[in-house]
């Protein structure tokens, strides 16, 4: 293990890379070379880091810009070019249905939690930011398509966990990084929009993600500290009730429920009909062996994000605490892995396949703040961040750096008790 680094040295390092990543327009890029844009949930975490560094003005401005693409229904883009002329209007943005400033899908709405944390720190939160956060959360419960109390994702990128094995049903055959990348691009084209141009459903990716829904409900409850109970609270309570019904006693985790759209597709597959668009579909091409009809559904893959239900319900806290600290499950000295070690898809150092992600470790720290499990999360986050040069993510077994280095959200290491 890497020798311990003092808290003051950690803060100095975090301040250094945060200042390097700060843009004149008022936001932090995740990494100046690898990720030179604004990402929604990244910026929410950046806001927390700036507040902890004693820079509330930057914290508020970061959040202001993160919500800058919001439309009248509350939809917020997951990516934005803000004022970067290098990318604005280029082919990159053609992916997003011709939008010149931002993407056509969203991301976990962590802004409710951010505003609550800023408020706790004594930061005076402007009324219009609270209203923007309310509108953003309202979008998901009012305009986004729902089923059985749960909200649909429209794309893997929207989850923030785009290569998760949880989405394996939407790639035929075994996982392949290049084919999955192309599939993600193709899935942008099947997103459906409201009249106000908000992403509301994707029939090619009809996913009712337990983890995503937990984060939406969590952020609604967090915002209550500034607004009091609202109609949003009732919607969040409906989500929590629906999430409880997704708990699988055999798996000892939560399964994403199968949508009616997927039920119909599965019925077609059972009949041997290819449900893809195009000439092959018209010909009724048979599904080949080894494709999605042959696989166990990925909806039940034991990834760590379903355990985020613990942010909105304490019912299974003992189980969650055991799973995220047990080294035969998700646990590790450098924080919890994204995939359960017993899963075939587990890989200690692969993107969203088993490595440790600092923002998720932080959320589990918040889940158990003040009790023993939070100490394990804090120690893992500190050990992983300092071992990996504050990387985007790192190996669960040895803290080896993975992804971009340094990654701004890994500055969350200063937001936990040491």
Protein backbone atom coordinates (compact mmCIF):
# COMPACT_ATOMS: atom_id res chain seq x y z
CA UNK A 1 0.00 0.00 0.00
CA UNK A 2 1.09 3.59 -0.67
CA UNK A 3 2.52 5.38 2.40
CA UNK A 4 -0.04 7.63 4.06
CA UNK A 5 -0.15 11.23 2.85
CA UNK A 6 -1.06 13.95 5.33
CA UNK A 7 -4.46 15.61 5.14
CA UNK A 8 -2.84 18.95 4.38
CA UNK A 9 -0.92 17.45 1.45
CA UNK A 10 -4.10 15.87 0.11
CA UNK A 11 -5.93 19.22 0.27
CA UNK A 12 -3.01 20.96 -1.41
CA UNK A 13 -2.98 18.41 -4.22
CA UNK A 14 -6.74 18.61 -4.72
CA UNK A 15 -6.68 22.40 -4.82
CA UNK A 16 -3.89 22.24 -7.39
CA UNK A 17 -5.66 20.03 -9.90
CA UNK A 18 -9.04 21.70 -9.33
CA UNK A 19 -7.55 25.10 -10.13
CA UNK A 20 -5.85 23.66 -13.20
CA UNK A 21 -9.18 22.28 -14.41
CA UNK A 22 -11.16 25.47 -13.67
CA UNK A 23 -12.41 27.25 -16.80
CA UNK A 24 -12.85 31.03 -17.25
CA UNK A 25 -16.58 30.53 -17.92
CA UNK A 26 -17.00 29.17 -14.40
CA UNK A 27 -16.89 25.39 -14.30
CA UNK A 28 -14.41 22.56 -13.80
CA UNK A 29 -13.55 20.08 -16.55
CA UNK A 30 -13.14 16.50 -15.28
CA UNK A 31 -9.68 16.37 -16.89
CA UNK A 32 -8.29 19.08 -19.21
CA UNK A 33 -6.92 16.58 -21.74
CA UNK A 34 -9.31 13.63 -21.68
CA UNK A 35 -12.59 15.32 -20.77
CA UNK A 36 -12.51 19.01 -21.85
CA UNK A 37 -16.24 19.67 -21.40
CA UNK A 38 -18.79 20.08 -18.64
CA UNK A 39 -20.51 16.92 -17.39
CA UNK A 40 -23.62 17.29 -15.23
CA UNK A 41 -23.00 14.92 -12.35
CA UNK A 42 -19.25 15.59 -12.40
CA UNK A 43 -19.93 19.30 -11.93
CA UNK A 44 -22.28 18.55 -9.05
CA UNK A 45 -19.45 16.74 -7.27
CA UNK A 46 -17.03 19.53 -8.23
CA UNK A 47 -19.35 21.98 -6.51
CA UNK A 48 -19.04 20.01 -3.26
CA UNK A 49 -15.24 20.05 -3.56
CA UNK A 50 -15.07 23.82 -4.13
CA UNK A 51 -17.25 24.37 -1.09
CA UNK A 52 -14.96 22.19 1.01
CA UNK A 53 -11.98 24.19 -0.27
CA UNK A 54 -13.63 27.33 1.08
CA UNK A 55 -14.69 28.66 -2.34
CA UNK A 56 -18.50 28.95 -2.17
CA UNK A 57 -18.61 31.38 -5.12
CA UNK A 58 -17.03 28.78 -7.38
CA UNK A 59 -19.30 26.08 -5.94
CA UNK A 60 -22.41 28.08 -6.84
CA UNK A 61 -21.12 29.15 -10.25
CA UNK A 62 -20.22 25.55 -11.10
CA UNK A 63 -23.77 24.46 -10.31
CA UNK A 64 -25.21 27.42 -12.20
CA UNK A 65 -23.36 26.36 -15.34
CA UNK A 66 -24.20 22.68 -14.82
CA UNK A 67 -27.89 23.64 -14.98
CA UNK A 68 -27.31 26.07 -17.83
CA UNK A 69 -28.89 23.93 -20.55
CA UNK A 70 -32.16 23.48 -18.65
CA UNK A 71 -35.32 23.88 -20.73
CA UNK A 72 -38.80 24.89 -19.60
CA UNK A 73 -39.72 21.29 -18.70
CA UNK A 74 -36.66 21.03 -16.47
CA UNK A 75 -34.57 18.78 -18.72
CA UNK A 76 -30.82 19.30 -18.25
CA UNK A 77 -28.16 18.01 -20.69
CA UNK A 78 -25.57 15.59 -19.36
CA UNK A 79 -22.82 17.37 -21.33
CA UNK A 80 -22.28 20.97 -22.38
CA UNK A 81 -19.66 22.84 -24.37
CA UNK A 82 -20.56 26.06 -22.46
CA UNK A 83 -18.21 28.56 -24.13
CA UNK A 84 -15.60 26.23 -25.63
CA UNK A 85 -15.27 27.25 -29.31
CA UNK A 86 -13.02 24.25 -29.96
CA UNK A 87 -16.01 21.91 -29.76
CA UNK A 88 -19.12 24.04 -30.13
CA UNK A 89 -20.81 23.39 -33.45
CA UNK A 90 -18.40 20.61 -34.49
CA UNK A 91 -19.33 17.09 -35.59
CA UNK A 92 -19.19 15.94 -31.95
CA UNK A 93 -22.42 17.79 -31.23
CA UNK A 94 -24.15 16.26 -34.25
CA UNK A 95 -24.47 13.17 -32.05
CA UNK A 96 -26.90 15.14 -29.95
CA UNK A 97 -29.52 15.69 -32.66
CA UNK A 98 -27.97 18.94 -33.83
CA UNK A 99 -27.95 20.65 -30.45
CA UNK A 100 -25.23 23.33 -30.52
CA UNK A 101 -24.52 23.60 -26.79
CA UNK A 102 -25.36 20.33 -25.06
CA UNK A 103 -26.45 16.73 -25.29
CA UNK A 104 -29.92 15.28 -25.76
CA UNK A 105 -29.84 13.06 -22.65
CA UNK A 106 -29.37 13.78 -18.96
CA UNK A 107 -27.50 12.27 -15.98
CA UNK A 108 -28.13 11.53 -12.27
CA UNK A 109 -29.56 14.80 -10.85
CA UNK A 110 -27.12 15.22 -7.97
CA UNK A 111 -27.91 18.93 -7.65
CA UNK A 112 -30.49 18.31 -4.89
CA UNK A 113 -27.79 16.77 -2.70
CA UNK A 114 -25.32 19.52 -3.58
CA UNK A 115 -27.67 22.32 -2.54
CA UNK A 116 -28.45 20.53 0.72
CA UNK A 117 -24.73 20.16 1.49
CA UNK A 118 -24.01 23.80 0.63
CA UNK A 119 -26.86 24.84 2.90
CA UNK A 120 -25.42 22.75 5.75
CA UNK A 121 -22.10 24.54 5.30
CA UNK A 122 -23.79 27.89 5.73
CA UNK A 123 -23.59 28.87 2.07
CA UNK A 124 -26.42 31.21 1.08
CA UNK A 125 -28.07 29.41 -1.81
CA UNK A 126 -29.80 31.72 -4.32
CA UNK A 127 -33.53 31.15 -4.69
CA UNK A 128 -33.29 30.72 -8.47
CA UNK A 129 -30.86 27.79 -8.05
CA UNK A 130 -33.29 26.06 -5.72
CA UNK A 131 -36.05 26.62 -8.28
CA UNK A 132 -33.85 25.21 -11.06
CA UNK A 133 -33.12 22.13 -8.98
CA UNK A 134 -36.82 21.64 -8.26
CA UNK A 135 -37.66 21.98 -11.94
CA UNK A 136 -34.90 19.53 -12.88
CA UNK A 137 -36.20 16.89 -10.49
CA UNK A 138 -39.77 17.60 -11.53
CA UNK A 139 -38.82 16.75 -15.11
CA UNK A 140 -38.06 13.14 -14.16
CA UNK A 141 -41.28 12.54 -12.24
CA UNK A 142 -43.60 14.54 -14.49
CA UNK A 143 -42.29 14.39 -18.07
CA UNK A 144 -40.01 11.34 -18.30
CA UNK A 145 -41.87 8.11 -19.10
CA UNK A 146 -42.52 6.00 -16.00
CA UNK A 147 -43.69 2.49 -15.26
CA UNK A 148 -44.94 1.11 -11.95
CA UNK A 149 -43.67 4.16 -10.09
CA UNK A 150 -40.17 4.01 -11.61
CA UNK A 151 -38.49 6.30 -14.15
CA UNK A 152 -36.98 5.09 -17.41
CA UNK A 153 -33.41 5.71 -18.44
CA UNK A 154 -33.04 6.67 -22.09
CA UNK A 155 -29.40 5.70 -22.64
CA UNK A 156 -26.44 4.00 -20.88
CA UNK A 157 -24.60 7.35 -20.81
CA UNK A 158 -27.48 8.81 -18.83
CA UNK A 159 -26.83 6.40 -15.98
CA UNK A 160 -23.29 7.75 -15.55
CA UNK A 161 -22.19 4.08 -15.63
CA UNK A 162 -22.20 3.46 -19.34
CA UNK A 163 -20.27 0.18 -19.60
CA UNK A 164 -22.05 -1.50 -16.70
CA UNK A 165 -22.75 -5.22 -17.28
CA UNK A 166 -26.26 -4.32 -16.12
CA UNK A 167 -26.95 -3.20 -19.71
CA UNK A 168 -25.72 -6.43 -21.28
CA UNK A 169 -29.13 -7.38 -22.71
CA UNK A 170 -28.79 -4.53 -25.20
CA UNK A 171 -25.72 -5.91 -26.98
CA UNK A 172 -26.01 -9.17 -28.85
CA UNK A 173 -23.27 -11.67 -28.12
CA UNK A 174 -20.43 -11.29 -25.66
CA UNK A 175 -19.33 -7.88 -24.45
CA UNK A 176 -16.89 -6.16 -26.78
CA UNK A 177 -15.76 -2.60 -26.10
CA UNK A 178 -15.73 -1.45 -29.72
CA UNK A 179 -19.11 -2.97 -30.55
CA UNK A 180 -20.61 -1.55 -27.37
CA UNK A 181 -19.27 1.91 -28.22
CA UNK A 182 -21.02 1.72 -31.61
CA UNK A 183 -24.16 0.45 -29.92
CA UNK A 184 -24.14 3.45 -27.57
CA UNK A 185 -23.88 5.79 -30.55
CA UNK A 186 -26.76 3.98 -32.28
CA UNK A 187 -28.92 4.20 -29.15
CA UNK A 188 -28.79 8.00 -29.30
CA UNK A 189 -30.78 7.82 -32.55
CA UNK A 190 -33.69 5.94 -30.98
CA UNK A 191 -34.33 8.42 -28.15
CA UNK A 192 -37.84 9.88 -28.21
CA UNK A 193 -38.51 13.51 -27.29
CA UNK A 194 -41.32 15.65 -25.94
CA UNK A 195 -42.62 18.64 -27.91
CA UNK A 196 -40.23 20.76 -25.84
CA UNK A 197 -37.27 18.61 -26.97
CA UNK A 198 -36.78 16.75 -23.68
CA UNK A 199 -35.63 13.11 -23.80
CA UNK A 200 -38.52 11.05 -22.45
CA UNK A 201 -38.11 7.42 -23.62
CA UNK A 202 -36.00 5.05 -25.69
CA UNK A 203 -37.80 1.95 -27.00
CA UNK A 204 -34.42 0.37 -27.81
CA UNK A 205 -33.22 0.84 -24.21
CA UNK A 206 -36.32 0.45 -21.99
CA UNK A 207 -34.43 0.29 -18.70
CA UNK A 208 -35.99 0.88 -15.28
CA UNK A 209 -32.73 1.25 -13.39
CA UNK A 210 -33.03 0.75 -9.64
CA UNK A 211 -29.81 2.70 -9.00
CA UNK A 212 -30.83 5.68 -11.11
CA UNK A 213 -34.27 5.84 -9.49
CA UNK A 214 -32.69 5.73 -6.03
CA UNK A 215 -30.56 8.75 -6.92
CA UNK A 216 -33.57 10.71 -8.21
CA UNK A 217 -35.52 10.04 -5.01
CA UNK A 218 -32.46 10.80 -2.84
CA UNK A 219 -31.99 14.18 -4.45
CA UNK A 220 -35.65 15.06 -3.99
CA UNK A 221 -35.43 14.23 -0.29
CA UNK A 222 -32.18 16.18 0.04
CA UNK A 223 -33.73 19.28 -1.51
CA UNK A 224 -36.44 19.18 1.16
CA UNK A 225 -33.94 20.71 3.60
CA UNK A 226 -34.33 23.95 1.65
CA UNK A 227 -37.90 23.71 0.38
CA UNK A 228 -39.79 21.65 2.93
CA UNK A 229 -42.10 18.91 1.71
CA UNK A 230 -43.60 19.46 -1.74
CA UNK A 231 -45.50 17.45 -4.35
CA UNK A 232 -42.08 16.15 -5.39
CA UNK A 233 -41.81 14.45 -2.00
CA UNK A 234 -44.89 12.35 -2.73
CA UNK A 235 -43.38 11.26 -6.04
CA UNK A 236 -40.12 10.32 -4.31
CA UNK A 237 -42.06 8.23 -1.80
CA UNK A 238 -43.74 6.42 -4.70
CA UNK A 239 -40.31 5.65 -6.14
CA UNK A 240 -39.10 4.27 -2.81
CA UNK A 241 -42.16 2.03 -2.53
CA UNK A 242 -41.56 0.73 -6.05
CA UNK A 243 -37.88 0.13 -5.27
CA UNK A 244 -38.75 -1.98 -2.25
CA UNK A 245 -40.77 -4.24 -4.55
CA UNK A 246 -37.63 -4.81 -6.64
CA UNK A 247 -35.69 -6.51 -3.83
CA UNK A 248 -34.77 -10.08 -4.73
CA UNK A 249 -34.38 -12.31 -1.67
CA UNK A 250 -32.45 -14.93 -3.60
CA UNK A 251 -29.95 -12.44 -5.02
CA UNK A 252 -29.89 -10.40 -1.81
CA UNK A 253 -29.98 -7.32 -4.01
CA UNK A 254 -32.37 -5.36 -6.22
CA UNK A 255 -33.24 -6.34 -9.81
CA UNK A 256 -34.23 -3.86 -12.47
CA UNK A 257 -37.83 -4.78 -13.34
CA UNK A 258 -38.52 -5.87 -16.89
CA UNK A 259 -40.40 -3.21 -18.84
CA UNK A 260 -43.49 -4.03 -20.92
CA UNK A 261 -41.45 -3.09 -24.02
CA UNK A 262 -38.83 -5.70 -23.13
CA UNK A 263 -41.52 -8.27 -22.37
CA UNK A 264 -42.86 -7.81 -25.92
CA UNK A 265 -39.37 -8.10 -27.43
CA UNK A 266 -38.66 -11.24 -25.42
CA UNK A 267 -41.91 -12.74 -26.69
CA UNK A 268 -40.82 -12.04 -30.26
CA UNK A 269 -37.42 -13.57 -29.56
CA UNK A 270 -39.08 -16.70 -28.17
CA UNK A 271 -40.88 -16.95 -31.50
CA UNK A 272 -37.52 -16.67 -33.28
CA UNK A 273 -38.22 -13.27 -34.83
CA UNK A 274 -35.49 -10.65 -35.12
CA UNK A 275 -36.92 -7.43 -33.67
CA UNK A 276 -34.24 -5.20 -35.19
CA UNK A 277 -35.23 -2.52 -37.67
CA UNK A 278 -34.50 -2.96 -41.36
CA UNK A 279 -34.82 -5.61 -44.04
CA UNK A 280 -33.77 -8.50 -41.80
CA UNK A 281 -36.70 -7.78 -39.48
CA UNK A 282 -39.10 -7.87 -42.39
CA UNK A 283 -37.73 -11.26 -43.37
CA UNK A 284 -38.21 -12.64 -39.85
CA UNK A 285 -34.57 -13.65 -39.42
CA UNK A 286 -33.98 -16.21 -36.70
CA UNK A 287 -31.95 -15.21 -33.63
CA UNK A 288 -28.56 -16.91 -33.61
CA UNK A 289 -27.25 -18.86 -30.66
CA UNK A 290 -25.16 -16.86 -28.22
CA UNK A 291 -27.23 -13.68 -28.59
CA UNK A 292 -29.46 -12.01 -26.01
CA UNK A 293 -32.16 -14.71 -26.18
CA UNK A 294 -29.58 -17.25 -24.97
CA UNK A 295 -28.37 -15.20 -22.00
CA UNK A 296 -29.53 -14.83 -18.44
CA UNK A 297 -30.94 -11.32 -18.18
CA UNK A 298 -28.37 -8.69 -17.23
CA UNK A 299 -31.07 -6.95 -15.15
CA UNK A 300 -30.07 -9.19 -12.26
CA UNK A 301 -26.29 -8.71 -12.53
CA UNK A 302 -24.94 -7.82 -9.11
CA UNK A 303 -23.47 -4.37 -9.64
CA UNK A 304 -23.12 -1.94 -6.77
CA UNK A 305 -25.50 0.78 -7.97
CA UNK A 306 -28.71 -1.00 -6.85
CA UNK A 307 -27.35 -0.79 -3.30
CA UNK A 308 -27.82 2.99 -3.57
CA UNK A 309 -31.41 2.24 -2.55
CA UNK A 310 -29.95 2.51 0.95
CA UNK A 311 -29.78 6.29 0.45
CA UNK A 312 -33.58 6.44 0.59
CA UNK A 313 -34.47 3.44 2.74
CA UNK A 314 -32.63 2.03 5.79
CA UNK A 315 -34.45 -1.29 5.60
CA UNK A 316 -31.47 -3.22 4.21
CA UNK A 317 -28.61 -1.16 5.66
CA UNK A 318 -27.10 -4.12 7.48
CA UNK A 319 -26.97 -6.14 4.27
CA UNK A 320 -25.54 -3.22 2.25
CA UNK A 321 -22.88 -2.56 4.88
CA UNK A 322 -21.85 -6.21 4.77
CA UNK A 323 -21.72 -6.34 0.97
CA UNK A 324 -19.63 -3.19 0.44
CA UNK A 325 -17.02 -4.22 3.03
CA UNK A 326 -16.86 -7.99 2.44
CA UNK A 327 -13.86 -8.80 0.21
CA UNK A 328 -15.70 -11.80 -1.23
CA UNK A 329 -18.48 -9.44 -2.38
CA UNK A 330 -17.77 -5.78 -3.27
CA UNK A 331 -15.32 -4.88 -0.51
CA UNK A 332 -11.66 -3.97 -0.85
CA UNK A 333 -8.91 -1.98 0.83
CA UNK A 334 -9.24 0.73 -1.83
CA UNK A 335 -13.01 1.01 -1.67
CA UNK A 336 -15.88 -1.13 -3.01
CA UNK A 337 -15.77 -2.53 -6.54
CA UNK A 338 -18.52 -1.75 -9.01
CA UNK A 339 -19.24 -5.42 -9.75
CA UNK A 340 -19.63 -8.26 -7.24
CA UNK A 341 -16.55 -10.51 -7.31
CA UNK A 342 -18.67 -13.62 -7.91
CA UNK A 343 -20.07 -12.24 -11.17
CA UNK A 344 -18.55 -13.57 -14.44
CA UNK A 345 -18.24 -9.98 -15.69
CA UNK A 346 -16.08 -8.90 -12.72
CA UNK A 347 -12.68 -7.51 -13.67
CA UNK A 348 -10.52 -5.67 -11.13
CA UNK A 349 -9.27 -3.00 -13.51
CA UNK A 350 -11.85 -2.65 -16.28
CA UNK A 351 -14.06 0.38 -16.93
CA UNK A 352 -17.36 -0.14 -15.08
CA UNK A 353 -16.58 -3.84 -14.75
CA UNK A 354 -15.11 -4.04 -11.28
CA UNK A 355 -12.87 -1.07 -10.52
CA UNK A 356 -13.54 1.43 -7.71
CA UNK A 357 -15.30 4.71 -8.49
CA UNK A 358 -14.71 7.60 -6.07
CA UNK A 359 -18.12 9.25 -6.47
CA UNK A 360 -19.90 6.01 -5.58
CA UNK A 361 -17.62 5.42 -2.60
CA UNK A 362 -18.48 8.96 -1.47
CA UNK A 363 -22.22 8.21 -1.75
CA UNK A 364 -21.87 5.07 0.37
CA UNK A 365 -19.92 7.17 2.87
CA UNK A 366 -22.88 9.58 3.02
CA UNK A 367 -25.29 6.65 3.36
CA UNK A 368 -23.54 5.50 6.54
CA UNK A 369 -22.19 8.84 7.76
CA UNK A 370 -21.65 8.75 11.50
CA UNK A 371 -21.51 4.96 11.82
CA UNK A 372 -18.69 2.44 11.46
CA UNK A 373 -19.20 1.58 7.80
CA UNK A 374 -18.53 5.19 6.84
CA UNK A 375 -15.00 4.84 8.22
CA UNK A 376 -14.31 1.94 5.87
CA UNK A 377 -15.58 4.00 2.93
CA UNK A 378 -13.48 6.99 3.97
CA UNK A 379 -10.32 4.92 4.38
CA UNK A 380 -10.87 3.22 1.03
CA UNK A 381 -11.44 6.52 -0.74
CA UNK A 382 -8.33 8.12 0.74
CA UNK A 383 -6.19 5.05 0.08
CA UNK A 384 -7.45 4.67 -3.48
CA UNK A 385 -7.15 8.35 -4.38
CA UNK A 386 -3.62 8.73 -3.06
CA UNK A 387 -2.44 5.40 -4.52
CA UNK A 388 -3.75 6.21 -7.99
CA UNK A 389 -2.60 9.81 -8.44
CA UNK A 390 -6.25 10.84 -7.89
CA UNK A 391 -7.34 8.90 -10.96
CA UNK A 392 -10.78 8.68 -12.55
CA UNK A 393 -11.14 5.16 -11.08
CA UNK A 394 -8.74 2.51 -9.81
CA UNK A 395 -8.20 -1.21 -9.35
CA UNK A 396 -10.06 -2.65 -6.38
CA UNK A 397 -7.16 -4.95 -5.48
CA UNK A 398 -4.12 -2.68 -5.55
CA UNK A 399 -5.28 0.90 -6.19
CA UNK A 400 -3.61 0.97 -9.61
CA UNK A 401 -4.55 4.13 -11.50
CA UNK A 402 -7.15 3.77 -14.27
CA UNK A 403 -8.64 6.31 -16.63
CA UNK A 404 -7.72 10.00 -16.61
CA UNK A 405 -5.30 11.33 -13.99
CA UNK A 406 -6.03 13.39 -12.04
CA UNK A 407 -9.81 13.37 -12.32
CA UNK A 408 -11.54 16.31 -10.67
CA UNK A 409 -14.29 14.34 -8.93
CA UNK A 410 -11.67 12.37 -7.01
CA UNK A 411 -11.24 15.59 -5.03
CA UNK A 412 -14.23 14.23 -3.06
CA UNK A 413 -11.55 12.67 -0.89
CA UNK A 414 -11.46 15.95 1.06
CA UNK A 415 -15.24 15.75 1.65
CA UNK A 416 -15.05 12.73 3.96
CA UNK A 417 -13.85 12.50 7.56
CA UNK A 418 -10.38 10.99 7.75
